[in-house]
Amino acid sequence: MTGIGWLAAIIIGGIAGWLAEQFMKSNMGILMNIILGIVGAVVLNAILMAVMGGTLGGWIGQLVVGFIGACLLIWVARMFRRTA
């Protein structure tokens, strides 16, 4: 998560993970919400840097990136769970 500190990353990650959990109708728990939000933001930020050369900055931008990234991670996890 670019441009924000560790504490802000945890807070934003938790909010983004919770929003993704509600949107994707999954039941993960608070710790998994934080992890999904942070990892989702890191993954999507890396993709955005590779494709566009930049990411969304600030709290709101990282919340959006974390939400989308967490939704993608939930979707990928569901894909693997169905095939296994």
PDB file of N, CA and C in Angstrom:
ATOM      1  N   MET A   1       0.859  -1.166   0.000  1.00  0.00           N
ATOM      2  CA  MET A   1       0.000   0.000   0.000  1.00  0.00           C
ATOM      3  C   MET A   1       0.905   1.229   0.000  1.00  0.00           C
ATOM      4  N   THR A   2       0.907   1.897  -1.071  1.00  0.00           N
ATOM      5  CA  THR A   2       1.836   3.004  -1.258  1.00  0.00           C
ATOM      6  C   THR A   2       1.348   4.272  -0.594  1.00  0.00           C
ATOM      7  N   GLY A   3       2.264   4.986   0.021  1.00  0.00           N
ATOM      8  CA  GLY A   3       1.972   6.309   0.536  1.00  0.00           C
ATOM      9  C   GLY A   3       1.288   6.377   1.888  1.00  0.00           C
ATOM     10  N   ILE A   4       1.108   5.245   2.557  1.00  0.00           N
ATOM     11  CA  ILE A   4       0.478   5.250   3.875  1.00  0.00           C
ATOM     12  C   ILE A   4       1.323   4.413   4.824  1.00  0.00           C
ATOM     13  N   GLY A   5       1.162   4.606   6.112  1.00  0.00           N
ATOM     14  CA  GLY A   5       1.933   3.873   7.102  1.00  0.00           C
ATOM     15  C   GLY A   5       1.359   2.497   7.398  1.00  0.00           C
ATOM     16  N   TRP A   6       2.054   1.760   8.263  1.00  0.00           N
ATOM     17  CA  TRP A   6       1.639   0.407   8.607  1.00  0.00           C
ATOM     18  C   TRP A   6       0.288   0.376   9.316  1.00  0.00           C
ATOM     19  N   LEU A   7       0.087   1.273  10.272  1.00  0.00           N
ATOM     20  CA  LEU A   7      -1.175   1.295  10.998  1.00  0.00           C
ATOM     21  C   LEU A   7      -2.340   1.612  10.058  1.00  0.00           C
ATOM     22  N   ALA A   8      -2.125   2.578   9.190  1.00  0.00           N
ATOM     23  CA  ALA A   8      -3.161   2.923   8.206  1.00  0.00           C
ATOM     24  C   ALA A   8      -3.409   1.751   7.259  1.00  0.00           C
ATOM     25  N   ALA A   9      -2.357   1.020   6.887  1.00  0.00           N
ATOM     26  CA  ALA A   9      -2.514  -0.137   6.009  1.00  0.00           C
ATOM     27  C   ALA A   9      -3.366  -1.207   6.668  1.00  0.00           C
ATOM     28  N   ILE A  10      -3.180  -1.417   7.970  1.00  0.00           N
ATOM     29  CA  ILE A  10      -3.977  -2.409   8.691  1.00  0.00           C
ATOM     30  C   ILE A  10      -5.431  -1.965   8.772  1.00  0.00           C
ATOM     31  N   ILE A  11      -5.648  -0.696   9.088  1.00  0.00           N
ATOM     32  CA  ILE A  11      -7.017  -0.179   9.183  1.00  0.00           C
ATOM     33  C   ILE A  11      -7.717  -0.232   7.831  1.00  0.00           C
ATOM     34  N   ILE A  12      -7.057   0.273   6.805  1.00  0.00           N
ATOM     35  CA  ILE A  12      -7.650   0.271   5.463  1.00  0.00           C
ATOM     36  C   ILE A  12      -7.837  -1.158   4.970  1.00  0.00           C
ATOM     37  N   GLY A  13      -6.861  -2.024   5.234  1.00  0.00           N
ATOM     38  CA  GLY A  13      -6.981  -3.429   4.841  1.00  0.00           C
ATOM     39  C   GLY A  13      -8.161  -4.105   5.501  1.00  0.00           C
ATOM     40  N   GLY A  14      -8.371  -3.825   6.781  1.00  0.00           N
ATOM     41  CA  GLY A  14      -9.517  -4.400   7.485  1.00  0.00           C
ATOM     42  C   GLY A  14     -10.838  -3.930   6.909  1.00  0.00           C
ATOM     43  N   ILE A  15     -10.926  -2.648   6.627  1.00  0.00           N
ATOM     44  CA  ILE A  15     -12.158  -2.096   6.057  1.00  0.00           C
ATOM     45  C   ILE A  15     -12.388  -2.653   4.653  1.00  0.00           C
ATOM     46  N   ALA A  16     -11.335  -2.672   3.837  1.00  0.00           N
ATOM     47  CA  ALA A  16     -11.457  -3.187   2.471  1.00  0.00           C
ATOM     48  C   ALA A  16     -11.823  -4.669   2.482  1.00  0.00           C
ATOM     49  N   GLY A  17     -11.194  -5.444   3.359  1.00  0.00           N
ATOM     50  CA  GLY A  17     -11.515  -6.862   3.466  1.00  0.00           C
ATOM     51  C   GLY A  17     -12.944  -7.095   3.932  1.00  0.00           C
ATOM     52  N   TRP A  18     -13.401  -6.287   4.891  1.00  0.00           N
ATOM     53  CA  TRP A  18     -14.777  -6.416   5.372  1.00  0.00           C
ATOM     54  C   TRP A  18     -15.773  -6.064   4.271  1.00  0.00           C
ATOM     55  N   LEU A  19     -15.495  -4.977   3.537  1.00  0.00           N
ATOM     56  CA  LEU A  19     -16.380  -4.601   2.429  1.00  0.00           C
ATOM     57  C   LEU A  19     -16.423  -5.695   1.364  1.00  0.00           C
ATOM     58  N   ALA A  20     -15.265  -6.273   1.053  1.00  0.00           N
ATOM     59  CA  ALA A  20     -15.209  -7.353   0.065  1.00  0.00           C
ATOM     60  C   ALA A  20     -15.971  -8.575   0.564  1.00  0.00           C
ATOM     61  N   GLU A  21     -15.838  -8.869   1.859  1.00  0.00           N
ATOM     62  CA  GLU A  21     -16.558  -9.991   2.457  1.00  0.00           C
ATOM     63  C   GLU A  21     -18.069  -9.796   2.324  1.00  0.00           C
ATOM     64  N   GLN A  22     -18.544  -8.584   2.593  1.00  0.00           N
ATOM     65  CA  GLN A  22     -19.972  -8.291   2.467  1.00  0.00           C
ATOM     66  C   GLN A  22     -20.426  -8.362   1.011  1.00  0.00           C
ATOM     67  N   PHE A  23     -19.620  -7.812   0.107  1.00  0.00           N
ATOM     68  CA  PHE A  23     -19.963  -7.773  -1.313  1.00  0.00           C
ATOM     69  C   PHE A  23     -19.985  -9.174  -1.927  1.00  0.00           C
ATOM     70  N   MET A  24     -18.991  -9.999  -1.556  1.00  0.00           N
ATOM     71  CA  MET A  24     -18.867 -11.346  -2.122  1.00  0.00           C
ATOM     72  C   MET A  24     -19.661 -12.386  -1.326  1.00  0.00           C
ATOM     73  N   LYS A  25     -20.315 -11.954  -0.252  1.00  0.00           N
ATOM     74  CA  LYS A  25     -21.128 -12.821   0.600  1.00  0.00           C
ATOM     75  C   LYS A  25     -20.342 -14.041   1.089  1.00  0.00           C
ATOM     76  N   SER A  26     -19.201 -13.760   1.711  1.00  0.00           N
ATOM     77  CA  SER A  26     -18.399 -14.810   2.320  1.00  0.00           C
ATOM     78  C   SER A  26     -18.284 -14.516   3.808  1.00  0.00           C
ATOM     79  N   ASN A  27     -17.877 -15.497   4.574  1.00  0.00           N
ATOM     80  CA  ASN A  27     -17.746 -15.330   6.014  1.00  0.00           C
ATOM     81  C   ASN A  27     -16.322 -15.712   6.398  1.00  0.00           C
ATOM     82  N   MET A  28     -15.450 -14.707   6.560  1.00  0.00           N
ATOM     83  CA  MET A  28     -14.037 -14.967   6.748  1.00  0.00           C
ATOM     84  C   MET A  28     -13.533 -14.693   8.162  1.00  0.00           C
ATOM     85  N   GLY A  29     -14.056 -13.714   8.843  1.00  0.00           N
ATOM     86  CA  GLY A  29     -13.528 -13.314  10.140  1.00  0.00           C
ATOM     87  C   GLY A  29     -12.654 -12.082  10.016  1.00  0.00           C
ATOM     88  N   ILE A  30     -12.436 -11.380  11.130  1.00  0.00           N
ATOM     89  CA  ILE A  30     -11.753 -10.092  11.103  1.00  0.00           C
ATOM     90  C   ILE A  30     -10.293 -10.215  10.695  1.00  0.00           C
ATOM     91  N   LEU A  31      -9.582 -11.221  11.187  1.00  0.00           N
ATOM     92  CA  LEU A  31      -8.167 -11.372  10.828  1.00  0.00           C
ATOM     93  C   LEU A  31      -8.010 -11.652   9.340  1.00  0.00           C
ATOM     94  N   MET A  32      -8.841 -12.534   8.805  1.00  0.00           N
ATOM     95  CA  MET A  32      -8.773 -12.831   7.372  1.00  0.00           C
ATOM     96  C   MET A  32      -9.191 -11.625   6.548  1.00  0.00           C
ATOM     97  N   ASN A  33     -10.123 -10.807   7.049  1.00  0.00           N
ATOM     98  CA  ASN A  33     -10.500  -9.573   6.353  1.00  0.00           C
ATOM     99  C   ASN A  33      -9.297  -8.648   6.216  1.00  0.00           C
ATOM    100  N   ILE A  34      -8.551  -8.472   7.300  1.00  0.00           N
ATOM    101  CA  ILE A  34      -7.366  -7.607   7.271  1.00  0.00           C
ATOM    102  C   ILE A  34      -6.337  -8.162   6.291  1.00  0.00           C
ATOM    103  N   ILE A  35      -6.096  -9.455   6.372  1.00  0.00           N
ATOM    104  CA  ILE A  35      -5.110 -10.081   5.479  1.00  0.00           C
ATOM    105  C   ILE A  35      -5.543  -9.951   4.024  1.00  0.00           C
ATOM    106  N   LEU A  36      -6.811 -10.252   3.741  1.00  0.00           N
ATOM    107  CA  LEU A  36      -7.307 -10.143   2.363  1.00  0.00           C
ATOM    108  C   LEU A  36      -7.221  -8.712   1.844  1.00  0.00           C
ATOM    109  N   GLY A  37      -7.570  -7.749   2.683  1.00  0.00           N
ATOM    110  CA  GLY A  37      -7.507  -6.356   2.261  1.00  0.00           C
ATOM    111  C   GLY A  37      -6.092  -5.906   1.963  1.00  0.00           C
ATOM    112  N   ILE A  38      -5.145  -6.249   2.832  1.00  0.00           N
ATOM    113  CA  ILE A  38      -3.753  -5.838   2.629  1.00  0.00           C
ATOM    114  C   ILE A  38      -3.131  -6.576   1.450  1.00  0.00           C
ATOM    115  N   VAL A  39      -3.282  -7.899   1.409  1.00  0.00           N
ATOM    116  CA  VAL A  39      -2.701  -8.675   0.310  1.00  0.00           C
ATOM    117  C   VAL A  39      -3.359  -8.295  -1.015  1.00  0.00           C
ATOM    118  N   GLY A  40      -4.669  -8.104  -1.002  1.00  0.00           N
ATOM    119  CA  GLY A  40      -5.360  -7.681  -2.217  1.00  0.00           C
ATOM    120  C   GLY A  40      -4.860  -6.348  -2.726  1.00  0.00           C
ATOM    121  N   ALA A  41      -4.625  -5.401  -1.806  1.00  0.00           N
ATOM    122  CA  ALA A  41      -4.106  -4.095  -2.204  1.00  0.00           C
ATOM    123  C   ALA A  41      -2.685  -4.210  -2.749  1.00  0.00           C
ATOM    124  N   VAL A  42      -1.860  -5.022  -2.112  1.00  0.00           N
ATOM    125  CA  VAL A  42      -0.478  -5.195  -2.575  1.00  0.00           C
ATOM    126  C   VAL A  42      -0.458  -5.815  -3.971  1.00  0.00           C
ATOM    127  N   VAL A  43      -1.271  -6.864  -4.170  1.00  0.00           N
ATOM    128  CA  VAL A  43      -1.315  -7.543  -5.471  1.00  0.00           C
ATOM    129  C   VAL A  43      -1.828  -6.602  -6.552  1.00  0.00           C
ATOM    130  N   LEU A  44      -2.924  -5.914  -6.285  1.00  0.00           N
ATOM    131  CA  LEU A  44      -3.493  -5.023  -7.302  1.00  0.00           C
ATOM    132  C   LEU A  44      -2.596  -3.812  -7.548  1.00  0.00           C
ATOM    133  N   ASN A  45      -1.933  -3.304  -6.509  1.00  0.00           N
ATOM    134  CA  ASN A  45      -0.971  -2.217  -6.705  1.00  0.00           C
ATOM    135  C   ASN A  45       0.162  -2.656  -7.618  1.00  0.00           C
ATOM    136  N   ALA A  46       0.652  -3.885  -7.443  1.00  0.00           N
ATOM    137  CA  ALA A  46       1.722  -4.400  -8.305  1.00  0.00           C
ATOM    138  C   ALA A  46       1.241  -4.520  -9.747  1.00  0.00           C
ATOM    139  N   ILE A  47       0.016  -4.999  -9.922  1.00  0.00           N
ATOM    140  CA  ILE A  47      -0.539  -5.106 -11.282  1.00  0.00           C
ATOM    141  C   ILE A  47      -0.698  -3.721 -11.902  1.00  0.00           C
ATOM    142  N   LEU A  48      -1.232  -2.775 -11.139  1.00  0.00           N
ATOM    143  CA  LEU A  48      -1.403  -1.412 -11.661  1.00  0.00           C
ATOM    144  C   LEU A  48      -0.060  -0.769 -12.006  1.00  0.00           C
ATOM    145  N   MET A  49       0.956  -0.999 -11.181  1.00  0.00           N
ATOM    146  CA  MET A  49       2.289  -0.440 -11.473  1.00  0.00           C
ATOM    147  C   MET A  49       2.843  -1.030 -12.766  1.00  0.00           C
ATOM    148  N   ALA A  50       2.646  -2.326 -12.975  1.00  0.00           N
ATOM    149  CA  ALA A  50       3.169  -2.979 -14.177  1.00  0.00           C
ATOM    150  C   ALA A  50       2.421  -2.534 -15.434  1.00  0.00           C
ATOM    151  N   VAL A  51       1.123  -2.359 -15.324  1.00  0.00           N
ATOM    152  CA  VAL A  51       0.308  -2.044 -16.496  1.00  0.00           C
ATOM    153  C   VAL A  51       0.271  -0.543 -16.780  1.00  0.00           C
ATOM    154  N   MET A  52       0.007   0.252 -15.733  1.00  0.00           N
ATOM    155  CA  MET A  52      -0.204   1.685 -15.938  1.00  0.00           C
ATOM    156  C   MET A  52       0.955   2.553 -15.482  1.00  0.00           C
ATOM    157  N   GLY A  53       1.874   1.999 -14.712  1.00  0.00           N
ATOM    158  CA  GLY A  53       3.004   2.778 -14.237  1.00  0.00           C
ATOM    159  C   GLY A  53       2.711   3.590 -12.993  1.00  0.00           C
ATOM    160  N   GLY A  54       1.558   3.410 -12.366  1.00  0.00           N
ATOM    161  CA  GLY A  54       1.191   4.146 -11.159  1.00  0.00           C
ATOM    162  C   GLY A  54      -0.009   3.506 -10.494  1.00  0.00           C
ATOM    163  N   THR A  55      -0.297   3.952  -9.268  1.00  0.00           N
ATOM    164  CA  THR A  55      -1.441   3.425  -8.534  1.00  0.00           C
ATOM    165  C   THR A  55      -2.290   4.578  -8.017  1.00  0.00           C
ATOM    166  N   LEU A  56      -3.388   4.240  -7.412  1.00  0.00           N
ATOM    167  CA  LEU A  56      -4.224   5.246  -6.765  1.00  0.00           C
ATOM    168  C   LEU A  56      -3.597   5.586  -5.423  1.00  0.00           C
ATOM    169  N   GLY A  57      -3.468   6.850  -5.095  1.00  0.00           N
ATOM    170  CA  GLY A  57      -2.830   7.262  -3.855  1.00  0.00           C
ATOM    171  C   GLY A  57      -3.832   7.646  -2.788  1.00  0.00           C
ATOM    172  N   GLY A  58      -3.344   7.800  -1.580  1.00  0.00           N
ATOM    173  CA  GLY A  58      -4.168   8.246  -0.463  1.00  0.00           C
ATOM    174  C   GLY A  58      -5.033   7.150   0.114  1.00  0.00           C
ATOM    175  N   TRP A  59      -5.743   7.507   1.171  1.00  0.00           N
ATOM    176  CA  TRP A  59      -6.573   6.551   1.891  1.00  0.00           C
ATOM    177  C   TRP A  59      -7.699   5.998   1.024  1.00  0.00           C
ATOM    178  N   ILE A  60      -8.421   6.882   0.360  1.00  0.00           N
ATOM    179  CA  ILE A  60      -9.567   6.445  -0.448  1.00  0.00           C
ATOM    180  C   ILE A  60      -9.113   5.586  -1.624  1.00  0.00           C
ATOM    181  N   GLY A  61      -8.064   6.010  -2.287  1.00  0.00           N
ATOM    182  CA  GLY A  61      -7.532   5.230  -3.410  1.00  0.00           C
ATOM    183  C   GLY A  61      -7.103   3.842  -2.990  1.00  0.00           C
ATOM    184  N   GLN A  62      -6.424   3.750  -1.854  1.00  0.00           N
ATOM    185  CA  GLN A  62      -5.979   2.453  -1.374  1.00  0.00           C
ATOM    186  C   GLN A  62      -7.140   1.607  -0.870  1.00  0.00           C
ATOM    187  N   LEU A  63      -8.178   2.247  -0.357  1.00  0.00           N
ATOM    188  CA  LEU A  63      -9.377   1.509   0.041  1.00  0.00           C
ATOM    189  C   LEU A  63     -10.035   0.871  -1.176  1.00  0.00           C
ATOM    190  N   VAL A  64     -10.133   1.618  -2.263  1.00  0.00           N
ATOM    191  CA  VAL A  64     -10.705   1.091  -3.506  1.00  0.00           C
ATOM    192  C   VAL A  64      -9.846  -0.046  -4.040  1.00  0.00           C
ATOM    193  N   VAL A  65      -8.533   0.156  -4.079  1.00  0.00           N
ATOM    194  CA  VAL A  65      -7.617  -0.874  -4.577  1.00  0.00           C
ATOM    195  C   VAL A  65      -7.689  -2.118  -3.684  1.00  0.00           C
ATOM    196  N   GLY A  66      -7.704  -1.923  -2.364  1.00  0.00           N
ATOM    197  CA  GLY A  66      -7.798  -3.049  -1.435  1.00  0.00           C
ATOM    198  C   GLY A  66      -9.093  -3.812  -1.582  1.00  0.00           C
ATOM    199  N   PHE A  67     -10.199  -3.099  -1.765  1.00  0.00           N
ATOM    200  CA  PHE A  67     -11.503  -3.736  -1.950  1.00  0.00           C
ATOM    201  C   PHE A  67     -11.516  -4.586  -3.216  1.00  0.00           C
ATOM    202  N   ILE A  68     -11.071  -4.021  -4.319  1.00  0.00           N
ATOM    203  CA  ILE A  68     -11.060  -4.754  -5.586  1.00  0.00           C
ATOM    204  C   ILE A  68     -10.108  -5.945  -5.507  1.00  0.00           C
ATOM    205  N   GLY A  69      -8.923  -5.719  -4.930  1.00  0.00           N
ATOM    206  CA  GLY A  69      -7.956  -6.805  -4.776  1.00  0.00           C
ATOM    207  C   GLY A  69      -8.481  -7.920  -3.887  1.00  0.00           C
ATOM    208  N   ALA A  70      -9.140  -7.582  -2.784  1.00  0.00           N
ATOM    209  CA  ALA A  70      -9.700  -8.599  -1.895  1.00  0.00           C
ATOM    210  C   ALA A  70     -10.824  -9.373  -2.587  1.00  0.00           C
ATOM    211  N   CYS A  71     -11.651  -8.679  -3.358  1.00  0.00           N
ATOM    212  CA  CYS A  71     -12.702  -9.370  -4.121  1.00  0.00           C
ATOM    213  C   CYS A  71     -12.087 -10.350  -5.107  1.00  0.00           C
ATOM    214  N   LEU A  72     -11.017  -9.946  -5.767  1.00  0.00           N
ATOM    215  CA  LEU A  72     -10.330 -10.841  -6.700  1.00  0.00           C
ATOM    216  C   LEU A  72      -9.757 -12.058  -5.986  1.00  0.00           C
ATOM    217  N   LEU A  73      -9.170 -11.848  -4.809  1.00  0.00           N
ATOM    218  CA  LEU A  73      -8.617 -12.974  -4.053  1.00  0.00           C
ATOM    219  C   LEU A  73      -9.714 -13.934  -3.601  1.00  0.00           C
ATOM    220  N   ILE A  74     -10.842 -13.423  -3.156  1.00  0.00           N
ATOM    221  CA  ILE A  74     -11.959 -14.282  -2.770  1.00  0.00           C
ATOM    222  C   ILE A  74     -12.449 -15.075  -3.981  1.00  0.00           C
ATOM    223  N   TRP A  75     -12.543 -14.413  -5.113  1.00  0.00           N
ATOM    224  CA  TRP A  75     -12.992 -15.076  -6.338  1.00  0.00           C
ATOM    225  C   TRP A  75     -12.034 -16.196  -6.741  1.00  0.00           C
ATOM    226  N   VAL A  76     -10.725 -15.925  -6.694  1.00  0.00           N
ATOM    227  CA  VAL A  76      -9.720 -16.934  -7.040  1.00  0.00           C
ATOM    228  C   VAL A  76      -9.788 -18.106  -6.061  1.00  0.00           C
ATOM    229  N   ALA A  77      -9.935 -17.813  -4.771  1.00  0.00           N
ATOM    230  CA  ALA A  77     -10.031 -18.878  -3.767  1.00  0.00           C
ATOM    231  C   ALA A  77     -11.249 -19.762  -4.035  1.00  0.00           C
ATOM    232  N   ARG A  78     -12.358 -19.164  -4.416  1.00  0.00           N
ATOM    233  CA  ARG A  78     -13.564 -19.933  -4.723  1.00  0.00           C
ATOM    234  C   ARG A  78     -13.342 -20.795  -5.964  1.00  0.00           C
ATOM    235  N   MET A  79     -12.633 -20.293  -6.939  1.00  0.00           N
ATOM    236  CA  MET A  79     -12.343 -21.062  -8.153  1.00  0.00           C
ATOM    237  C   MET A  79     -11.522 -22.315  -7.814  1.00  0.00           C
ATOM    238  N   PHE A  80     -10.492 -22.140  -6.979  1.00  0.00           N
ATOM    239  CA  PHE A  80      -9.658 -23.274  -6.594  1.00  0.00           C
ATOM    240  C   PHE A  80     -10.425 -24.262  -5.717  1.00  0.00           C
ATOM    241  N   ARG A  81     -11.292 -23.769  -4.863  1.00  0.00           N
ATOM    242  CA  ARG A  81     -12.052 -24.632  -3.970  1.00  0.00           C
ATOM    243  C   ARG A  81     -13.028 -25.487  -4.755  1.00  0.00           C
ATOM    244  N   ARG A  82     -13.594 -24.964  -5.822  1.00  0.00           N
ATOM    245  CA  ARG A  82     -14.555 -25.724  -6.639  1.00  0.00           C
ATOM    246  C   ARG A  82     -13.858 -26.822  -7.444  1.00  0.00           C
ATOM    247  N   THR A  83     -12.638 -26.556  -7.904  1.00  0.00           N
ATOM    248  CA  THR A  83     -11.950 -27.544  -8.739  1.00  0.00           C
ATOM    249  C   THR A  83     -11.293 -28.628  -7.905  1.00  0.00           C
ATOM    250  N   ALA A  84     -11.051 -28.383  -6.630  1.00  0.00           N
ATOM    251  CA  ALA A  84     -10.359 -29.368  -5.797  1.00  0.00           C
ATOM    252  C   ALA A  84     -11.302 -30.421  -5.260  1.00  0.00           C
TER     253      ALA A  84
END
